[in-house]
Amino acid sequence: MSGNHRRLPGAAWDRARRAALGRDQWRCVQCGHPADLEVHHVVALDKGGDAFRLDNLRTLCRGCHIEEHMPPERLAWRRYVRELVS
Protein backbone atom coordinates (compact mmCIF):
# COMPACT_ATOMS: atom_id res chain seq x y z
CA MET A 1 0.00 0.00 0.00
CA SER A 2 1.10 3.51 -0.57
CA GLY A 3 2.72 5.56 2.15
CA ASN A 4 -0.26 7.90 1.97
CA HIS A 5 -2.68 5.20 3.03
CA ARG A 6 -4.51 5.96 6.24
CA ARG A 7 -7.46 4.57 8.08
CA LEU A 8 -10.57 6.67 7.97
CA PRO A 9 -12.23 6.84 11.37
CA GLY A 10 -15.84 7.40 12.14
CA ALA A 11 -19.38 6.41 11.36
CA ALA A 12 -19.39 7.94 7.85
CA TRP A 13 -16.50 5.69 6.77
CA ASP A 14 -18.10 2.64 8.41
CA ARG A 15 -21.32 3.28 6.44
CA ALA A 16 -19.47 3.84 3.14
CA ARG A 17 -17.30 0.76 3.67
CA ARG A 18 -20.27 -1.47 4.46
CA ALA A 19 -22.19 -0.10 1.47
CA ALA A 20 -19.26 -0.95 -0.85
CA LEU A 21 -18.88 -4.43 0.64
CA GLY A 22 -22.61 -5.08 0.28
CA ARG A 23 -22.74 -3.78 -3.29
CA ASP A 24 -19.81 -6.04 -4.18
CA GLN A 25 -21.49 -9.00 -2.43
CA TRP A 26 -18.68 -9.32 0.13
CA ARG A 27 -16.23 -10.59 -2.50
CA CYS A 28 -13.13 -9.20 -4.17
CA VAL A 29 -14.21 -7.60 -7.45
CA GLN A 30 -10.97 -8.74 -9.13
CA CYS A 31 -10.58 -12.38 -8.10
CA GLY A 32 -13.81 -13.24 -6.28
CA HIS A 33 -12.10 -14.18 -3.01
CA PRO A 34 -14.50 -13.86 -0.03
CA ALA A 35 -11.97 -13.25 2.77
CA ASP A 36 -9.43 -10.66 3.93
CA LEU A 37 -11.50 -7.93 2.29
CA GLU A 38 -10.50 -4.28 2.15
CA VAL A 39 -12.17 -1.29 0.51
CA HIS A 40 -10.03 0.49 -2.07
CA HIS A 41 -10.37 4.09 -3.22
CA VAL A 42 -10.36 4.08 -7.05
CA VAL A 43 -9.13 7.67 -7.08
CA ALA A 44 -6.75 8.08 -4.15
CA LEU A 45 -7.61 10.64 -1.50
CA ASP A 46 -4.35 12.52 -2.11
CA LYS A 47 -5.32 12.75 -5.81
CA GLY A 48 -8.69 14.33 -5.01
CA GLY A 49 -10.79 11.19 -4.64
CA ASP A 50 -13.86 11.34 -2.43
CA ALA A 51 -13.42 9.20 0.68
CA PHE A 52 -17.08 8.26 1.01
CA ARG A 53 -18.61 8.21 -2.51
CA LEU A 54 -19.69 4.70 -3.38
CA ASP A 55 -18.55 5.06 -7.00
CA ASN A 56 -15.01 5.72 -5.72
CA LEU A 57 -14.93 2.54 -3.63
CA ARG A 58 -14.44 -1.09 -4.58
CA THR A 59 -13.91 -4.25 -2.60
CA LEU A 60 -10.57 -6.03 -2.96
CA CYS A 61 -8.98 -8.90 -1.07
CA ARG A 62 -5.70 -8.06 0.63
CA GLY A 63 -3.61 -9.60 -2.18
CA CYS A 64 -5.40 -7.72 -4.97
CA HIS A 65 -5.26 -4.51 -2.92
CA ILE A 66 -1.50 -4.85 -2.52
CA GLU A 67 -1.17 -5.47 -6.27
CA GLU A 68 -3.33 -2.40 -7.00
CA HIS A 69 -0.67 -0.24 -5.34
CA MET A 70 2.35 -1.91 -7.00
CA PRO A 71 4.37 -0.17 -9.69
CA PRO A 72 3.43 -1.64 -13.11
CA GLU A 73 6.84 -3.23 -13.71
CA ARG A 74 6.78 -5.04 -10.37
CA LEU A 75 3.22 -6.19 -10.95
CA ALA A 76 4.14 -7.57 -14.38
CA TRP A 77 7.07 -9.46 -12.86
CA ARG A 78 4.88 -10.85 -10.05
CA ARG A 79 2.28 -12.12 -12.55
CA TYR A 80 4.99 -13.64 -14.75
CA VAL A 81 6.46 -15.56 -11.81
CA ARG A 82 2.99 -16.69 -10.75
CA GLU A 83 2.40 -18.16 -14.22
CA LEU A 84 5.71 -20.03 -14.09
CA VAL A 85 4.89 -21.79 -10.85
CA SER A 86 1.31 -22.68 -11.70
PDB file of N, CA and C in Angstrom:
ATOM      1  N   MET A   1       0.830  -1.183   0.000  1.00  0.00           N
ATOM      2  CA  MET A   1       0.000   0.000   0.000  1.00  0.00           C
ATOM      3  C   MET A   1       0.869   1.238   0.000  1.00  0.00           C
ATOM      4  N   SER A   2       0.318   2.281  -0.472  1.00  0.00           N
ATOM      5  CA  SER A   2       1.098   3.508  -0.565  1.00  0.00           C
ATOM      6  C   SER A   2       1.364   4.085   0.813  1.00  0.00           C
ATOM      7  N   GLY A   3       2.393   4.900   0.891  1.00  0.00           N
ATOM      8  CA  GLY A   3       2.719   5.556   2.145  1.00  0.00           C
ATOM      9  C   GLY A   3       1.650   6.539   2.574  1.00  0.00           C
ATOM     10  N   ASN A   4       0.791   6.942   1.649  1.00  0.00           N
ATOM     11  CA  ASN A   4      -0.263   7.897   1.967  1.00  0.00           C
ATOM     12  C   ASN A   4      -1.511   7.234   2.516  1.00  0.00           C
ATOM     13  N   HIS A   5      -1.492   5.905   2.555  1.00  0.00           N
ATOM     14  CA  HIS A   5      -2.685   5.202   3.026  1.00  0.00           C
ATOM     15  C   HIS A   5      -2.919   5.502   4.500  1.00  0.00           C
ATOM     16  N   ARG A   6      -4.159   5.725   4.843  1.00  0.00           N
ATOM     17  CA  ARG A   6      -4.507   5.961   6.238  1.00  0.00           C
ATOM     18  C   ARG A   6      -5.889   5.393   6.486  1.00  0.00           C
ATOM     19  N   ARG A   7      -6.139   5.063   7.715  1.00  0.00           N
ATOM     20  CA  ARG A   7      -7.462   4.567   8.078  1.00  0.00           C
ATOM     21  C   ARG A   7      -8.377   5.751   8.288  1.00  0.00           C
ATOM     22  N   LEU A   8      -9.579   5.609   7.797  1.00  0.00           N
ATOM     23  CA  LEU A   8     -10.569   6.667   7.970  1.00  0.00           C
ATOM     24  C   LEU A   8     -11.453   6.323   9.160  1.00  0.00           C
ATOM     25  N   PRO A   9     -11.420   7.133  10.185  1.00  0.00           N
ATOM     26  CA  PRO A   9     -12.232   6.839  11.365  1.00  0.00           C
ATOM     27  C   PRO A   9     -13.659   7.350  11.197  1.00  0.00           C
ATOM     28  N   GLY A  10     -14.520   6.824  12.026  1.00  0.00           N
ATOM     29  CA  GLY A  10     -15.843   7.403  12.144  1.00  0.00           C
ATOM     30  C   GLY A  10     -16.961   6.641  11.473  1.00  0.00           C
ATOM     31  N   ALA A  11     -18.160   7.061  11.817  1.00  0.00           N
ATOM     32  CA  ALA A  11     -19.376   6.408  11.355  1.00  0.00           C
ATOM     33  C   ALA A  11     -19.583   6.573   9.853  1.00  0.00           C
ATOM     34  N   ALA A  12     -19.204   7.724   9.289  1.00  0.00           N
ATOM     35  CA  ALA A  12     -19.393   7.942   7.851  1.00  0.00           C
ATOM     36  C   ALA A  12     -18.578   6.929   7.046  1.00  0.00           C
ATOM     37  N   TRP A  13     -17.325   6.678   7.467  1.00  0.00           N
ATOM     38  CA  TRP A  13     -16.496   5.685   6.771  1.00  0.00           C
ATOM     39  C   TRP A  13     -17.069   4.290   6.970  1.00  0.00           C
ATOM     40  N   ASP A  14     -17.508   3.958   8.164  1.00  0.00           N
ATOM     41  CA  ASP A  14     -18.100   2.642   8.409  1.00  0.00           C
ATOM     42  C   ASP A  14     -19.292   2.409   7.485  1.00  0.00           C
ATOM     43  N   ARG A  15     -20.149   3.420   7.316  1.00  0.00           N
ATOM     44  CA  ARG A  15     -21.315   3.281   6.435  1.00  0.00           C
ATOM     45  C   ARG A  15     -20.881   3.117   4.976  1.00  0.00           C
ATOM     46  N   ALA A  16     -19.936   3.923   4.535  1.00  0.00           N
ATOM     47  CA  ALA A  16     -19.474   3.845   3.144  1.00  0.00           C
ATOM     48  C   ALA A  16     -18.806   2.499   2.877  1.00  0.00           C
ATOM     49  N   ARG A  17     -17.994   2.049   3.808  1.00  0.00           N
ATOM     50  CA  ARG A  17     -17.297   0.762   3.669  1.00  0.00           C
ATOM     51  C   ARG A  17     -18.290  -0.382   3.577  1.00  0.00           C
ATOM     52  N   ARG A  18     -19.269  -0.400   4.472  1.00  0.00           N
ATOM     53  CA  ARG A  18     -20.274  -1.465   4.459  1.00  0.00           C
ATOM     54  C   ARG A  18     -21.119  -1.412   3.189  1.00  0.00           C
ATOM     55  N   ALA A  19     -21.417  -0.230   2.709  1.00  0.00           N
ATOM     56  CA  ALA A  19     -22.188  -0.096   1.465  1.00  0.00           C
ATOM     57  C   ALA A  19     -21.401  -0.683   0.293  1.00  0.00           C
ATOM     58  N   ALA A  20     -20.096  -0.406   0.230  1.00  0.00           N
ATOM     59  CA  ALA A  20     -19.260  -0.948  -0.848  1.00  0.00           C
ATOM     60  C   ALA A  20     -19.170  -2.467  -0.748  1.00  0.00           C
ATOM     61  N   LEU A  21     -18.960  -2.980   0.452  1.00  0.00           N
ATOM     62  CA  LEU A  21     -18.884  -4.430   0.641  1.00  0.00           C
ATOM     63  C   LEU A  21     -20.192  -5.104   0.231  1.00  0.00           C
ATOM     64  N   GLY A  22     -21.310  -4.526   0.633  1.00  0.00           N
ATOM     65  CA  GLY A  22     -22.611  -5.084   0.276  1.00  0.00           C
ATOM     66  C   GLY A  22     -22.861  -5.043  -1.219  1.00  0.00           C
ATOM     67  N   ARG A  23     -22.562  -3.909  -1.839  1.00  0.00           N
ATOM     68  CA  ARG A  23     -22.741  -3.776  -3.290  1.00  0.00           C
ATOM     69  C   ARG A  23     -21.931  -4.822  -4.030  1.00  0.00           C
ATOM     70  N   ASP A  24     -20.713  -5.085  -3.537  1.00  0.00           N
ATOM     71  CA  ASP A  24     -19.813  -6.039  -4.183  1.00  0.00           C
ATOM     72  C   ASP A  24     -20.013  -7.466  -3.678  1.00  0.00           C
ATOM     73  N   GLN A  25     -21.091  -7.682  -2.938  1.00  0.00           N
ATOM     74  CA  GLN A  25     -21.494  -8.997  -2.426  1.00  0.00           C
ATOM     75  C   GLN A  25     -20.421  -9.657  -1.566  1.00  0.00           C
ATOM     76  N   TRP A  26     -19.696  -8.842  -0.824  1.00  0.00           N
ATOM     77  CA  TRP A  26     -18.683  -9.323   0.127  1.00  0.00           C
ATOM     78  C   TRP A  26     -17.671 -10.244  -0.539  1.00  0.00           C
ATOM     79  N   ARG A  27     -17.251  -9.850  -1.759  1.00  0.00           N
ATOM     80  CA  ARG A  27     -16.229 -10.586  -2.504  1.00  0.00           C
ATOM     81  C   ARG A  27     -15.305  -9.594  -3.200  1.00  0.00           C
ATOM     82  N   CYS A  28     -14.081 -10.012  -3.413  1.00  0.00           N
ATOM     83  CA  CYS A  28     -13.129  -9.202  -4.174  1.00  0.00           C
ATOM     84  C   CYS A  28     -13.642  -9.059  -5.603  1.00  0.00           C
ATOM     85  N   VAL A  29     -13.695  -7.826  -6.101  1.00  0.00           N
ATOM     86  CA  VAL A  29     -14.207  -7.604  -7.453  1.00  0.00           C
ATOM     87  C   VAL A  29     -13.214  -8.031  -8.530  1.00  0.00           C
ATOM     88  N   GLN A  30     -11.964  -8.303  -8.155  1.00  0.00           N
ATOM     89  CA  GLN A  30     -10.970  -8.744  -9.134  1.00  0.00           C
ATOM     90  C   GLN A  30     -10.880 -10.253  -9.218  1.00  0.00           C
ATOM     91  N   CYS A  31     -10.811 -10.929  -8.070  1.00  0.00           N
ATOM     92  CA  CYS A  31     -10.579 -12.378  -8.103  1.00  0.00           C
ATOM     93  C   CYS A  31     -11.727 -13.194  -7.503  1.00  0.00           C
ATOM     94  N   GLY A  32     -12.667 -12.532  -6.845  1.00  0.00           N
ATOM     95  CA  GLY A  32     -13.812 -13.237  -6.276  1.00  0.00           C
ATOM     96  C   GLY A  32     -13.592 -13.816  -4.889  1.00  0.00           C
ATOM     97  N   HIS A  33     -12.408 -13.625  -4.328  1.00  0.00           N
ATOM     98  CA  HIS A  33     -12.099 -14.178  -3.011  1.00  0.00           C
ATOM     99  C   HIS A  33     -13.016 -13.556  -1.948  1.00  0.00           C
ATOM    100  N   PRO A  34     -13.546 -14.374  -1.016  1.00  0.00           N
ATOM    101  CA  PRO A  34     -14.496 -13.857  -0.029  1.00  0.00           C
ATOM    102  C   PRO A  34     -13.888 -13.500   1.332  1.00  0.00           C
ATOM    103  N   ALA A  35     -12.575 -13.508   1.455  1.00  0.00           N
ATOM    104  CA  ALA A  35     -11.965 -13.253   2.773  1.00  0.00           C
ATOM    105  C   ALA A  35     -10.880 -12.194   2.676  1.00  0.00           C
ATOM    106  N   ASP A  36     -10.467 -11.688   3.834  1.00  0.00           N
ATOM    107  CA  ASP A  36      -9.425 -10.657   3.929  1.00  0.00           C
ATOM    108  C   ASP A  36      -9.773  -9.446   3.061  1.00  0.00           C
ATOM    109  N   LEU A  37     -11.020  -8.999   3.155  1.00  0.00           N
ATOM    110  CA  LEU A  37     -11.502  -7.928   2.290  1.00  0.00           C
ATOM    111  C   LEU A  37     -11.146  -6.546   2.813  1.00  0.00           C
ATOM    112  N   GLU A  38     -10.805  -5.673   1.872  1.00  0.00           N
ATOM    113  CA  GLU A  38     -10.500  -4.278   2.147  1.00  0.00           C
ATOM    114  C   GLU A  38     -11.242  -3.433   1.130  1.00  0.00           C
ATOM    115  N   VAL A  39     -11.499  -2.188   1.451  1.00  0.00           N
ATOM    116  CA  VAL A  39     -12.173  -1.295   0.513  1.00  0.00           C
ATOM    117  C   VAL A  39     -11.135  -0.316  -0.029  1.00  0.00           C
ATOM    118  N   HIS A  40     -11.027  -0.302  -1.350  1.00  0.00           N
ATOM    119  CA  HIS A  40     -10.026   0.486  -2.071  1.00  0.00           C
ATOM    120  C   HIS A  40     -10.660   1.741  -2.662  1.00  0.00           C
ATOM    121  N   HIS A  41      -9.940   2.851  -2.575  1.00  0.00           N
ATOM    122  CA  HIS A  41     -10.368   4.089  -3.222  1.00  0.00           C
ATOM    123  C   HIS A  41      -9.847   4.073  -4.657  1.00  0.00           C
ATOM    124  N   VAL A  42     -10.736   4.101  -5.638  1.00  0.00           N
ATOM    125  CA  VAL A  42     -10.358   4.076  -7.050  1.00  0.00           C
ATOM    126  C   VAL A  42      -9.491   5.288  -7.364  1.00  0.00           C
ATOM    127  N   VAL A  43      -9.943   6.465  -6.985  1.00  0.00           N
ATOM    128  CA  VAL A  43      -9.130   7.675  -7.082  1.00  0.00           C
ATOM    129  C   VAL A  43      -8.642   7.970  -5.666  1.00  0.00           C
ATOM    130  N   ALA A  44      -7.340   7.908  -5.470  1.00  0.00           N
ATOM    131  CA  ALA A  44      -6.750   8.084  -4.148  1.00  0.00           C
ATOM    132  C   ALA A  44      -7.159   9.420  -3.520  1.00  0.00           C
ATOM    133  N   LEU A  45      -7.219   9.424  -2.214  1.00  0.00           N
ATOM    134  CA  LEU A  45      -7.609  10.640  -1.498  1.00  0.00           C
ATOM    135  C   LEU A  45      -6.633  11.782  -1.770  1.00  0.00           C
ATOM    136  N   ASP A  46      -5.340  11.462  -1.856  1.00  0.00           N
ATOM    137  CA  ASP A  46      -4.354  12.515  -2.113  1.00  0.00           C
ATOM    138  C   ASP A  46      -4.348  12.989  -3.567  1.00  0.00           C
ATOM    139  N   LYS A  47      -5.155  12.336  -4.410  1.00  0.00           N
ATOM    140  CA  LYS A  47      -5.320  12.751  -5.806  1.00  0.00           C
ATOM    141  C   LYS A  47      -6.690  13.385  -6.020  1.00  0.00           C
ATOM    142  N   GLY A  48      -7.397  13.662  -4.918  1.00  0.00           N
ATOM    143  CA  GLY A  48      -8.688  14.331  -5.013  1.00  0.00           C
ATOM    144  C   GLY A  48      -9.896  13.418  -4.966  1.00  0.00           C
ATOM    145  N   GLY A  49      -9.677  12.129  -4.726  1.00  0.00           N
ATOM    146  CA  GLY A  49     -10.789  11.188  -4.642  1.00  0.00           C
ATOM    147  C   GLY A  49     -11.643  11.434  -3.410  1.00  0.00           C
ATOM    148  N   ASP A  50     -12.925  11.178  -3.540  1.00  0.00           N
ATOM    149  CA  ASP A  50     -13.856  11.342  -2.429  1.00  0.00           C
ATOM    150  C   ASP A  50     -13.794  10.099  -1.543  1.00  0.00           C
ATOM    151  N   ALA A  51     -13.594  10.301  -0.265  1.00  0.00           N
ATOM    152  CA  ALA A  51     -13.417   9.201   0.676  1.00  0.00           C
ATOM    153  C   ALA A  51     -14.669   8.354   0.851  1.00  0.00           C
ATOM    154  N   PHE A  52     -15.846   8.944   0.645  1.00  0.00           N
ATOM    155  CA  PHE A  52     -17.084   8.262   1.013  1.00  0.00           C
ATOM    156  C   PHE A  52     -18.019   7.970  -0.150  1.00  0.00           C
ATOM    157  N   ARG A  53     -17.719   8.457  -1.353  1.00  0.00           N
ATOM    158  CA  ARG A  53     -18.611   8.205  -2.508  1.00  0.00           C
ATOM    159  C   ARG A  53     -18.515   6.755  -2.941  1.00  0.00           C
ATOM    160  N   LEU A  54     -19.645   6.119  -3.051  1.00  0.00           N
ATOM    161  CA  LEU A  54     -19.687   4.702  -3.384  1.00  0.00           C
ATOM    162  C   LEU A  54     -19.038   4.409  -4.737  1.00  0.00           C
ATOM    163  N   ASP A  55     -19.165   5.325  -5.693  1.00  0.00           N
ATOM    164  CA  ASP A  55     -18.555   5.063  -6.997  1.00  0.00           C
ATOM    165  C   ASP A  55     -17.030   5.236  -6.989  1.00  0.00           C
ATOM    166  N   ASN A  56     -16.464   5.648  -5.860  1.00  0.00           N
ATOM    167  CA  ASN A  56     -15.013   5.724  -5.719  1.00  0.00           C
ATOM    168  C   ASN A  56     -14.472   4.589  -4.846  1.00  0.00           C
ATOM    169  N   LEU A  57     -15.323   3.647  -4.495  1.00  0.00           N
ATOM    170  CA  LEU A  57     -14.927   2.541  -3.626  1.00  0.00           C
ATOM    171  C   LEU A  57     -15.151   1.212  -4.332  1.00  0.00           C
ATOM    172  N   ARG A  58     -14.225   0.271  -4.105  1.00  0.00           N
ATOM    173  CA  ARG A  58     -14.443  -1.088  -4.579  1.00  0.00           C
ATOM    174  C   ARG A  58     -13.783  -2.061  -3.625  1.00  0.00           C
ATOM    175  N   THR A  59     -14.357  -3.227  -3.526  1.00  0.00           N
ATOM    176  CA  THR A  59     -13.907  -4.250  -2.600  1.00  0.00           C
ATOM    177  C   THR A  59     -12.807  -5.078  -3.240  1.00  0.00           C
ATOM    178  N   LEU A  60     -11.688  -5.203  -2.521  1.00  0.00           N
ATOM    179  CA  LEU A  60     -10.570  -6.034  -2.964  1.00  0.00           C
ATOM    180  C   LEU A  60     -10.115  -6.907  -1.805  1.00  0.00           C
ATOM    181  N   CYS A  61      -9.624  -8.105  -2.112  1.00  0.00           N
ATOM    182  CA  CYS A  61      -8.985  -8.904  -1.067  1.00  0.00           C
ATOM    183  C   CYS A  61      -7.612  -8.277  -0.805  1.00  0.00           C
ATOM    184  N   ARG A  62      -6.986  -8.663   0.265  1.00  0.00           N
ATOM    185  CA  ARG A  62      -5.702  -8.059   0.633  1.00  0.00           C
ATOM    186  C   ARG A  62      -4.667  -8.193  -0.486  1.00  0.00           C
ATOM    187  N   GLY A  63      -4.586  -9.377  -1.115  1.00  0.00           N
ATOM    188  CA  GLY A  63      -3.605  -9.599  -2.180  1.00  0.00           C
ATOM    189  C   GLY A  63      -3.835  -8.700  -3.383  1.00  0.00           C
ATOM    190  N   CYS A  64      -5.088  -8.592  -3.824  1.00  0.00           N
ATOM    191  CA  CYS A  64      -5.400  -7.724  -4.966  1.00  0.00           C
ATOM    192  C   CYS A  64      -5.203  -6.259  -4.604  1.00  0.00           C
ATOM    193  N   HIS A  65      -5.463  -5.894  -3.347  1.00  0.00           N
ATOM    194  CA  HIS A  65      -5.264  -4.512  -2.923  1.00  0.00           C
ATOM    195  C   HIS A  65      -3.771  -4.160  -2.940  1.00  0.00           C
ATOM    196  N   ILE A  66      -2.950  -5.073  -2.478  1.00  0.00           N
ATOM    197  CA  ILE A  66      -1.503  -4.845  -2.524  1.00  0.00           C
ATOM    198  C   ILE A  66      -1.057  -4.681  -3.975  1.00  0.00           C
ATOM    199  N   GLU A  67      -1.539  -5.571  -4.857  1.00  0.00           N
ATOM    200  CA  GLU A  67      -1.171  -5.471  -6.270  1.00  0.00           C
ATOM    201  C   GLU A  67      -1.642  -4.161  -6.894  1.00  0.00           C
ATOM    202  N   GLU A  68      -2.781  -3.659  -6.458  1.00  0.00           N
ATOM    203  CA  GLU A  68      -3.327  -2.404  -7.000  1.00  0.00           C
ATOM    204  C   GLU A  68      -2.365  -1.238  -6.771  1.00  0.00           C
ATOM    205  N   HIS A  69      -1.587  -1.322  -5.694  1.00  0.00           N
ATOM    206  CA  HIS A  69      -0.668  -0.238  -5.343  1.00  0.00           C
ATOM    207  C   HIS A  69       0.768  -0.488  -5.809  1.00  0.00           C
ATOM    208  N   MET A  70       1.004  -1.602  -6.516  1.00  0.00           N
ATOM    209  CA  MET A  70       2.351  -1.914  -6.995  1.00  0.00           C
ATOM    210  C   MET A  70       2.677  -1.122  -8.249  1.00  0.00           C
ATOM    211  N   PRO A  71       3.951  -0.762  -8.418  1.00  0.00           N
ATOM    212  CA  PRO A  71       4.370  -0.167  -9.688  1.00  0.00           C
ATOM    213  C   PRO A  71       4.137  -1.182 -10.815  1.00  0.00           C
ATOM    214  N   PRO A  72       3.768  -0.728 -12.014  1.00  0.00           N
ATOM    215  CA  PRO A  72       3.430  -1.644 -13.110  1.00  0.00           C
ATOM    216  C   PRO A  72       4.514  -2.675 -13.430  1.00  0.00           C
ATOM    217  N   GLU A  73       5.777  -2.274 -13.389  1.00  0.00           N
ATOM    218  CA  GLU A  73       6.843  -3.225 -13.714  1.00  0.00           C
ATOM    219  C   GLU A  73       6.953  -4.333 -12.669  1.00  0.00           C
ATOM    220  N   ARG A  74       6.735  -4.013 -11.413  1.00  0.00           N
ATOM    221  CA  ARG A  74       6.782  -5.036 -10.369  1.00  0.00           C
ATOM    222  C   ARG A  74       5.566  -5.963 -10.478  1.00  0.00           C
ATOM    223  N   LEU A  75       4.423  -5.393 -10.783  1.00  0.00           N
ATOM    224  CA  LEU A  75       3.218  -6.194 -10.947  1.00  0.00           C
ATOM    225  C   LEU A  75       3.372  -7.156 -12.116  1.00  0.00           C
ATOM    226  N   ALA A  76       3.923  -6.697 -13.225  1.00  0.00           N
ATOM    227  CA  ALA A  76       4.137  -7.570 -14.383  1.00  0.00           C
ATOM    228  C   ALA A  76       5.072  -8.720 -14.019  1.00  0.00           C
ATOM    229  N   TRP A  77       6.129  -8.427 -13.283  1.00  0.00           N
ATOM    230  CA  TRP A  77       7.071  -9.459 -12.859  1.00  0.00           C
ATOM    231  C   TRP A  77       6.385 -10.458 -11.921  1.00  0.00           C
ATOM    232  N   ARG A  78       5.584  -9.981 -10.990  1.00  0.00           N
ATOM    233  CA  ARG A  78       4.878 -10.854 -10.048  1.00  0.00           C
ATOM    234  C   ARG A  78       3.928 -11.799 -10.798  1.00  0.00           C
ATOM    235  N   ARG A  79       3.204 -11.281 -11.771  1.00  0.00           N
ATOM    236  CA  ARG A  79       2.284 -12.118 -12.552  1.00  0.00           C
ATOM    237  C   ARG A  79       3.041 -13.122 -13.408  1.00  0.00           C
ATOM    238  N   TYR A  80       4.168 -12.728 -13.952  1.00  0.00           N
ATOM    239  CA  TYR A  80       4.991 -13.636 -14.746  1.00  0.00           C
ATOM    240  C   TYR A  80       5.481 -14.805 -13.885  1.00  0.00           C
ATOM    241  N   VAL A  81       5.988 -14.521 -12.717  1.00  0.00           N
ATOM    242  CA  VAL A  81       6.463 -15.563 -11.812  1.00  0.00           C
ATOM    243  C   VAL A  81       5.319 -16.473 -11.398  1.00  0.00           C
ATOM    244  N   ARG A  82       4.156 -15.891 -11.129  1.00  0.00           N
ATOM    245  CA  ARG A  82       2.993 -16.691 -10.746  1.00  0.00           C
ATOM    246  C   ARG A  82       2.625 -17.695 -11.845  1.00  0.00           C
ATOM    247  N   GLU A  83       2.692 -17.253 -13.100  1.00  0.00           N
ATOM    248  CA  GLU A  83       2.397 -18.163 -14.223  1.00  0.00           C
ATOM    249  C   GLU A  83       3.415 -19.295 -14.319  1.00  0.00           C
ATOM    250  N   LEU A  84       4.672 -19.005 -14.035  1.00  0.00           N
ATOM    251  CA  LEU A  84       5.714 -20.026 -14.092  1.00  0.00           C
ATOM    252  C   LEU A  84       5.497 -21.142 -13.087  1.00  0.00           C
ATOM    253  N   VAL A  85       5.028 -20.791 -11.907  1.00  0.00           N
ATOM    254  CA  VAL A  85       4.894 -21.794 -10.853  1.00  0.00           C
ATOM    255  C   VAL A  85       3.530 -22.497 -10.860  1.00  0.00           C
ATOM    256  N   SER A  86       2.623 -22.019 -11.690  1.00  0.00           N
ATOM    257  CA  SER A  86       1.309 -22.678 -11.705  1.00  0.00           C
ATOM    258  C   SER A  86       1.185 -23.665 -12.825  1.00  0.00           C
TER     259      SER A  86
END
